[in-house]
PDB file of N, CA and C in Angstrom:
ATOM      1  N   MET A   1     -15.278 -12.550 -20.494  1.00  0.00           N
ATOM      2  CA  MET A   1     -14.904 -13.853 -19.876  1.00  0.00           C
ATOM      3  C   MET A   1     -14.347 -13.614 -18.510  1.00  0.00           C
ATOM      4  N   SER A   2     -14.948 -14.177 -17.529  1.00  0.00           N
ATOM      5  CA  SER A   2     -14.511 -13.834 -16.272  1.00  0.00           C
ATOM      6  C   SER A   2     -13.538 -15.016 -15.843  1.00  0.00           C
ATOM      7  N   ARG A   3     -12.717 -14.756 -14.926  1.00  0.00           N
ATOM      8  CA  ARG A   3     -11.755 -15.641 -14.427  1.00  0.00           C
ATOM      9  C   ARG A   3     -12.146 -16.299 -13.158  1.00  0.00           C
ATOM     10  N   GLY A   4     -11.774 -17.517 -12.994  1.00  0.00           N
ATOM     11  CA  GLY A   4     -12.216 -18.145 -11.637  1.00  0.00           C
ATOM     12  C   GLY A   4     -11.547 -17.922 -10.562  1.00  0.00           C
ATOM     13  N   LEU A   5     -11.995 -18.598  -9.471  1.00  0.00           N
ATOM     14  CA  LEU A   5     -11.493 -18.320  -8.065  1.00  0.00           C
ATOM     15  C   LEU A   5     -10.055 -18.707  -7.933  1.00  0.00           C
ATOM     16  N   ALA A   6      -9.608 -19.608  -8.717  1.00  0.00           N
ATOM     17  CA  ALA A   6      -8.206 -20.163  -8.530  1.00  0.00           C
ATOM     18  C   ALA A   6      -7.184 -19.038  -9.019  1.00  0.00           C
ATOM     19  N   ILE A   7      -7.449 -18.217 -10.018  1.00  0.00           N
ATOM     20  CA  ILE A   7      -6.513 -17.313 -10.533  1.00  0.00           C
ATOM     21  C   ILE A   7      -6.539 -16.114  -9.601  1.00  0.00           C
ATOM     22  N   LYS A   8      -7.666 -15.915  -8.965  1.00  0.00           N
ATOM     23  CA  LYS A   8      -7.663 -14.730  -7.676  1.00  0.00           C
ATOM     24  C   LYS A   8      -6.878 -15.317  -6.667  1.00  0.00           C
ATOM     25  N   ARG A   9      -6.954 -16.531  -6.156  1.00  0.00           N
ATOM     26  CA  ARG A   9      -6.177 -17.033  -5.145  1.00  0.00           C
ATOM     27  C   ARG A   9      -4.738 -16.995  -5.437  1.00  0.00           C
ATOM     28  N   HIS A  10      -4.385 -17.346  -6.684  1.00  0.00           N
ATOM     29  CA  HIS A  10      -2.913 -17.266  -7.096  1.00  0.00           C
ATOM     30  C   HIS A  10      -2.335 -15.894  -6.998  1.00  0.00           C
ATOM     31  N   HIS A  11      -3.203 -14.873  -7.464  1.00  0.00           N
ATOM     32  CA  HIS A  11      -2.682 -13.498  -7.473  1.00  0.00           C
ATOM     33  C   HIS A  11      -2.524 -12.912  -6.160  1.00  0.00           C
ATOM     34  N   LYS A  12      -3.506 -13.336  -5.188  1.00  0.00           N
ATOM     35  CA  LYS A  12      -3.478 -12.906  -3.794  1.00  0.00           C
ATOM     36  C   LYS A  12      -2.203 -13.432  -3.120  1.00  0.00           C
ATOM     37  N   GLY A  13      -2.094 -14.718  -3.245  1.00  0.00           N
ATOM     38  CA  GLY A  13      -0.728 -15.325  -2.702  1.00  0.00           C
ATOM     39  C   GLY A  13       0.483 -14.713  -3.311  1.00  0.00           C
ATOM     40  N   ARG A  14       0.565 -14.299  -4.565  1.00  0.00           N
ATOM     41  CA  ARG A  14       1.744 -13.714  -5.280  1.00  0.00           C
ATOM     42  C   ARG A  14       1.993 -12.425  -4.544  1.00  0.00           C
ATOM     43  N   ILE A  15       0.951 -11.480  -4.470  1.00  0.00           N
ATOM     44  CA  ILE A  15       1.125 -10.392  -3.946  1.00  0.00           C
ATOM     45  C   ILE A  15       1.496 -10.282  -2.460  1.00  0.00           C
ATOM     46  N   LYS A  16       0.954 -11.303  -1.733  1.00  0.00           N
ATOM     47  CA  LYS A  16       1.299 -11.369  -0.288  1.00  0.00           C
ATOM     48  C   LYS A  16       2.778 -11.767  -0.067  1.00  0.00           C
ATOM     49  N   SER A  17       3.243 -12.495  -0.978  1.00  0.00           N
ATOM     50  CA  SER A  17       4.718 -13.062  -0.910  1.00  0.00           C
ATOM     51  C   SER A  17       5.501 -11.865  -1.395  1.00  0.00           C
ATOM     52  N   LYS A  18       5.225 -10.985  -2.258  1.00  0.00           N
ATOM     53  CA  LYS A  18       5.978  -9.939  -2.789  1.00  0.00           C
ATOM     54  C   LYS A  18       5.895  -8.821  -1.589  1.00  0.00           C
ATOM     55  N   THR A  19       4.861  -8.679  -0.953  1.00  0.00           N
ATOM     56  CA  THR A  19       4.669  -7.661   0.089  1.00  0.00           C
ATOM     57  C   THR A  19       5.498  -8.123   1.154  1.00  0.00           C
ATOM     58  N   LYS A  20       5.443  -9.274   1.598  1.00  0.00           N
ATOM     59  CA  LYS A  20       6.382  -9.902   2.594  1.00  0.00           C
ATOM     60  C   LYS A  20       7.808  -9.505   2.357  1.00  0.00           C
ATOM     61  N   GLN A  21       8.378  -9.770   1.229  1.00  0.00           N
ATOM     62  CA  GLN A  21       9.598  -9.518   0.898  1.00  0.00           C
ATOM     63  C   GLN A  21       9.769  -7.991   1.076  1.00  0.00           C
ATOM     64  N   ILE A  22       9.062  -7.079   0.675  1.00  0.00           N
ATOM     65  CA  ILE A  22       9.152  -5.635   0.768  1.00  0.00           C
ATOM     66  C   ILE A  22       9.186  -5.316   2.162  1.00  0.00           C
ATOM     67  N   LEU A  23       8.300  -5.854   2.786  1.00  0.00           N
ATOM     68  CA  LEU A  23       8.245  -5.447   4.473  1.00  0.00           C
ATOM     69  C   LEU A  23       9.392  -5.983   5.164  1.00  0.00           C
ATOM     70  N   GLU A  24       9.990  -7.072   4.815  1.00  0.00           N
ATOM     71  CA  GLU A  24      11.343  -7.542   5.425  1.00  0.00           C
ATOM     72  C   GLU A  24      12.371  -6.584   5.104  1.00  0.00           C
ATOM     73  N   ARG A  25      12.522  -6.128   3.774  1.00  0.00           N
ATOM     74  CA  ARG A  25      13.656  -5.263   3.464  1.00  0.00           C
ATOM     75  C   ARG A  25      13.508  -4.054   4.139  1.00  0.00           C
ATOM     76  N   LEU A  26      12.254  -3.363   4.244  1.00  0.00           N
ATOM     77  CA  LEU A  26      12.062  -2.002   4.621  1.00  0.00           C
ATOM     78  C   LEU A  26      12.154  -2.016   6.203  1.00  0.00           C
ATOM     79  N   TRP A  27      11.399  -3.019   6.916  1.00  0.00           N
ATOM     80  CA  TRP A  27      11.368  -2.733   8.248  1.00  0.00           C
ATOM     81  C   TRP A  27      12.351  -3.738   8.960  1.00  0.00           C
ATOM     82  N   VAL A  28      13.110  -4.488   8.302  1.00  0.00           N
ATOM     83  CA  VAL A  28      14.069  -5.584   8.701  1.00  0.00           C
ATOM     84  C   VAL A  28      13.417  -6.417   9.920  1.00  0.00           C
ATOM     85  N   ILE A  29      12.280  -7.016   9.469  1.00  0.00           N
ATOM     86  CA  ILE A  29      11.650  -7.973  10.397  1.00  0.00           C
ATOM     87  C   ILE A  29      12.314  -9.295  10.549  1.00  0.00           C
ATOM     88  N   ASP A  30      12.579  -9.662  11.841  1.00  0.00           N
ATOM     89  CA  ASP A  30      13.311 -10.863  12.052  1.00  0.00           C
ATOM     90  C   ASP A  30      12.175 -12.079  12.393  1.00  0.00           C
ATOM     91  N   GLU A  31      11.120 -11.578  13.008  1.00  0.00           N
ATOM     92  CA  GLU A  31      10.078 -12.581  13.389  1.00  0.00           C
ATOM     93  C   GLU A  31       9.226 -12.991  12.127  1.00  0.00           C
ATOM     94  N   GLU A  32       8.620 -14.130  12.232  1.00  0.00           N
ATOM     95  CA  GLU A  32       7.789 -14.623  11.088  1.00  0.00           C
ATOM     96  C   GLU A  32       6.498 -13.752  11.234  1.00  0.00           C
ATOM     97  N   VAL A  33       6.121 -13.304  10.053  1.00  0.00           N
ATOM     98  CA  VAL A  33       4.926 -12.445   9.810  1.00  0.00           C
ATOM     99  C   VAL A  33       3.849 -13.260   9.250  1.00  0.00           C
ATOM    100  N   SER A  34       2.666 -13.556   9.836  1.00  0.00           N
ATOM    101  CA  SER A  34       1.678 -14.239   9.176  1.00  0.00           C
ATOM    102  C   SER A  34       0.954 -13.777   7.957  1.00  0.00           C
ATOM    103  N   ALA A  35       0.571 -14.640   7.129  1.00  0.00           N
ATOM    104  CA  ALA A  35      -0.169 -14.248   5.940  1.00  0.00           C
ATOM    105  C   ALA A  35      -1.412 -13.361   6.059  1.00  0.00           C
ATOM    106  N   SER A  36      -2.221 -13.579   7.205  1.00  0.00           N
ATOM    107  CA  SER A  36      -3.215 -12.815   7.491  1.00  0.00           C
ATOM    108  C   SER A  36      -2.915 -11.492   7.974  1.00  0.00           C
ATOM    109  N   GLU A  37      -1.815 -11.226   8.733  1.00  0.00           N
ATOM    110  CA  GLU A  37      -1.372  -9.908   9.144  1.00  0.00           C
ATOM    111  C   GLU A  37      -0.962  -9.083   7.778  1.00  0.00           C
ATOM    112  N   ILE A  38      -0.275  -9.852   6.767  1.00  0.00           N
ATOM    113  CA  ILE A  38       0.100  -9.157   5.644  1.00  0.00           C
ATOM    114  C   ILE A  38      -1.149  -8.798   4.904  1.00  0.00           C
ATOM    115  N   GLY A  39      -2.074  -9.699   4.789  1.00  0.00           N
ATOM    116  CA  GLY A  39      -3.276  -9.482   3.967  1.00  0.00           C
ATOM    117  C   GLY A  39      -4.172  -8.324   4.714  1.00  0.00           C
ATOM    118  N   ARG A  40      -4.109  -8.239   5.906  1.00  0.00           N
ATOM    119  CA  ARG A  40      -4.961  -7.339   6.552  1.00  0.00           C
ATOM    120  C   ARG A  40      -4.483  -5.876   6.475  1.00  0.00           C
ATOM    121  N   CYS A  41      -3.067  -5.654   6.302  1.00  0.00           N
ATOM    122  CA  CYS A  41      -2.664  -4.332   6.526  1.00  0.00           C
ATOM    123  C   CYS A  41      -1.799  -3.905   5.153  1.00  0.00           C
ATOM    124  N   ALA A  42      -1.375  -4.893   4.439  1.00  0.00           N
ATOM    125  CA  ALA A  42      -0.441  -4.382   3.399  1.00  0.00           C
ATOM    126  C   ALA A  42      -0.539  -5.090   2.059  1.00  0.00           C
ATOM    127  N   SER A  43      -1.331  -6.081   1.823  1.00  0.00           N
ATOM    128  CA  SER A  43      -1.328  -6.752   0.596  1.00  0.00           C
ATOM    129  C   SER A  43      -1.786  -6.001  -0.553  1.00  0.00           C
ATOM    130  N   VAL A  44      -2.646  -5.056  -0.342  1.00  0.00           N
ATOM    131  CA  VAL A  44      -3.195  -4.201  -1.405  1.00  0.00           C
ATOM    132  C   VAL A  44      -2.265  -3.084  -1.731  1.00  0.00           C
ATOM    133  N   HIS A  45      -1.699  -2.296  -0.727  1.00  0.00           N
ATOM    134  CA  HIS A  45      -1.103  -1.075  -0.954  1.00  0.00           C
ATOM    135  C   HIS A  45       0.388  -1.126  -0.505  1.00  0.00           C
ATOM    136  N   CYS A  46       0.877  -2.226  -0.065  1.00  0.00           N
ATOM    137  CA  CYS A  46       2.311  -2.456   0.512  1.00  0.00           C
ATOM    138  C   CYS A  46       2.806  -1.373   1.465  1.00  0.00           C
ATOM    139  N   LYS A  47       1.863  -0.842   2.280  1.00  0.00           N
ATOM    140  CA  LYS A  47       2.195  -0.047   3.350  1.00  0.00           C
ATOM    141  C   LYS A  47       1.712  -0.730   4.616  1.00  0.00           C
ATOM    142  N   GLY A  48       2.499  -0.569   5.636  1.00  0.00           N
ATOM    143  CA  GLY A  48       2.252  -1.174   6.964  1.00  0.00           C
ATOM    144  C   GLY A  48       1.270  -0.309   7.765  1.00  0.00           C
ATOM    145  N   CYS A  49       1.267   0.751   7.589  1.00  0.00           N
ATOM    146  CA  CYS A  49       0.467   1.656   8.609  1.00  0.00           C
ATOM    147  C   CYS A  49      -0.067   2.964   7.856  1.00  0.00           C
ATOM    148  N   SER A  50      -0.830   3.693   8.499  1.00  0.00           N
ATOM    149  CA  SER A  50      -1.179   5.015   7.907  1.00  0.00           C
ATOM    150  C   SER A  50      -0.813   6.205   8.945  1.00  0.00           C
ATOM    151  N   CYS A  51       0.419   6.059   9.498  1.00  0.00           N
ATOM    152  CA  CYS A  51       0.842   7.089  10.495  1.00  0.00           C
ATOM    153  C   CYS A  51       1.299   8.361   9.414  1.00  0.00           C
ATOM    154  N   PHE A  52       1.675   9.423   9.949  1.00  0.00           N
ATOM    155  CA  PHE A  52       1.932  10.594   9.332  1.00  0.00           C
ATOM    156  C   PHE A  52       3.105  10.364   8.324  1.00  0.00           C
ATOM    157  N   MET A  53       3.988   9.489   8.733  1.00  0.00           N
ATOM    158  CA  MET A  53       5.214   9.188   7.706  1.00  0.00           C
ATOM    159  C   MET A  53       4.800   8.370   6.629  1.00  0.00           C
ATOM    160  N   CYS A  54       3.924   7.391   6.931  1.00  0.00           N
ATOM    161  CA  CYS A  54       3.670   6.471   5.766  1.00  0.00           C
ATOM    162  C   CYS A  54       2.317   6.798   4.952  1.00  0.00           C
ATOM    163  N   GLY A  55       1.475   7.534   5.640  1.00  0.00           N
ATOM    164  CA  GLY A  55       0.011   7.674   5.090  1.00  0.00           C
ATOM    165  C   GLY A  55      -0.095   8.874   4.144  1.00  0.00           C
ATOM    166  N   ASN A  56      -1.251   9.202   3.946  1.00  0.00           N
ATOM    167  CA  ASN A  56      -1.601  10.142   2.932  1.00  0.00           C
ATOM    168  C   ASN A  56      -1.274  11.521   3.532  1.00  0.00           C
ATOM    169  N   PRO A  57      -0.419  12.326   2.835  1.00  0.00           N
ATOM    170  CA  PRO A  57      -0.021  13.628   3.293  1.00  0.00           C
ATOM    171  C   PRO A  57      -1.320  14.654   3.180  1.00  0.00           C
ATOM    172  N   ARG A  58      -2.217  14.496   2.370  1.00  0.00           N
ATOM    173  CA  ARG A  58      -3.356  15.207   2.335  1.00  0.00           C
ATOM    174  C   ARG A  58      -4.035  15.154   3.610  1.00  0.00           C
ATOM    175  N   ARG A  59      -4.256  14.020   4.126  1.00  0.00           N
ATOM    176  CA  ARG A  59      -5.061  13.674   5.307  1.00  0.00           C
ATOM    177  C   ARG A  59      -4.363  14.441   6.514  1.00  0.00           C
ATOM    178  N   HIS A  60      -3.036  14.167   6.589  1.00  0.00           N
ATOM    179  CA  HIS A  60      -2.216  14.706   7.802  1.00  0.00           C
ATOM    180  C   HIS A  60      -1.849  16.014   7.813  1.00  0.00           C
ATOM    181  N   PHE A  61      -1.655  16.605   6.621  1.00  0.00           N
ATOM    182  CA  PHE A  61      -0.839  17.777   6.597  1.00  0.00           C
ATOM    183  C   PHE A  61      -1.739  18.987   5.731  1.00  0.00           C
ATOM    184  N   ASN A  62      -2.906  18.507   5.267  1.00  0.00           N
ATOM    185  CA  ASN A  62      -3.753  19.298   4.344  1.00  0.00           C
ATOM    186  C   ASN A  62      -3.136  19.804   3.093  1.00  0.00           C
ATOM    187  N   GLU A  63      -2.041  18.977   2.392  1.00  0.00           N
ATOM    188  CA  GLU A  63      -1.461  19.428   1.403  1.00  0.00           C
ATOM    189  C   GLU A  63      -2.427  19.153   0.183  1.00  0.00           C
ATOM    190  N   ARG A  64      -2.150  20.034  -0.793  1.00  0.00           N
ATOM    191  CA  ARG A  64      -2.962  19.954  -2.070  1.00  0.00           C
ATOM    192  C   ARG A  64      -2.411  18.889  -3.059  1.00  0.00           C
ATOM    193  N   THR A  65      -3.223  18.280  -3.806  1.00  0.00           N
ATOM    194  CA  THR A  65      -2.665  17.477  -4.825  1.00  0.00           C
ATOM    195  C   THR A  65      -2.013  18.235  -5.747  1.00  0.00           C
ATOM    196  N   VAL A  66      -1.300  17.468  -6.770  1.00  0.00           N
ATOM    197  CA  VAL A  66      -0.630  18.078  -7.885  1.00  0.00           C
ATOM    198  C   VAL A  66      -1.434  18.831  -8.764  1.00  0.00           C
ATOM    199  N   GLN A  67      -2.586  18.128  -9.064  1.00  0.00           N
ATOM    200  CA  GLN A  67      -3.687  18.831  -9.960  1.00  0.00           C
ATOM    201  C   GLN A  67      -4.149  20.011  -9.426  1.00  0.00           C
ATOM    202  N   GLU A  68      -4.402  20.048  -8.163  1.00  0.00           N
ATOM    203  CA  GLU A  68      -5.042  21.346  -7.366  1.00  0.00           C
ATOM    204  C   GLU A  68      -3.841  22.368  -7.472  1.00  0.00           C
ATOM    205  N   ARG A  69      -2.501  22.050  -7.253  1.00  0.00           N
ATOM    206  CA  ARG A  69      -1.587  23.066  -7.333  1.00  0.00           C
ATOM    207  C   ARG A  69      -1.429  23.687  -8.728  1.00  0.00           C
ATOM    208  N   ARG A  70      -1.511  22.752  -9.689  1.00  0.00           N
ATOM    209  CA  ARG A  70      -1.489  23.414 -11.014  1.00  0.00           C
ATOM    210  C   ARG A  70      -2.698  24.255 -11.380  1.00  0.00           C
ATOM    211  N   GLU A  71      -3.800  23.838 -10.826  1.00  0.00           N
ATOM    212  CA  GLU A  71      -5.023  24.727 -11.111  1.00  0.00           C
ATOM    213  C   GLU A  71      -4.918  26.115 -10.416  1.00  0.00           C
ATOM    214  N   PHE A  72      -4.364  25.995  -9.276  1.00  0.00           N
ATOM    215  CA  PHE A  72      -4.082  27.301  -8.372  1.00  0.00           C
ATOM    216  C   PHE A  72      -3.208  28.268  -9.079  1.00  0.00           C
ATOM    217  N   GLN A  73      -2.035  27.597  -9.597  1.00  0.00           N
ATOM    218  CA  GLN A  73      -1.107  28.371 -10.230  1.00  0.00           C
ATOM    219  C   GLN A  73      -1.548  29.138 -11.528  1.00  0.00           C
ATOM    220  N   GLU A  74      -2.344  28.435 -12.225  1.00  0.00           N
ATOM    221  CA  GLU A  74      -2.977  29.001 -13.417  1.00  0.00           C
ATOM    222  C   GLU A  74      -3.891  30.199 -13.157  1.00  0.00           C
ATOM    223  N   GLU A  75      -4.620  30.175 -12.057  1.00  0.00           N
ATOM    224  CA  GLU A  75      -5.422  31.245 -11.718  1.00  0.00           C
ATOM    225  C   GLU A  75      -4.801  32.407 -11.247  1.00  0.00           C
ATOM    226  N   ILE A  76      -3.607  32.326 -10.767  1.00  0.00           N
ATOM    227  CA  ILE A  76      -2.710  33.525 -10.099  1.00  0.00           C
ATOM    228  C   ILE A  76      -2.104  34.260 -11.165  1.00  0.00           C
TER     229      ILE A  76
END
């Protein structure tokens, strides 16, 4: 049974409002942030950017994942 478009819109709005609250707390944003900006950058993953501080450490520092570290420890 598939759900309709209304429930998808509801969840999208719910996640955008939650993300807006998180971003206001973390970044201390005073100006109004539009819903399109939140949807474009952070509604799915709650991150504002992909810089080296916020982004994936594997991409920026070539760190191994936890699974890879465990695998290499067992081989040694």
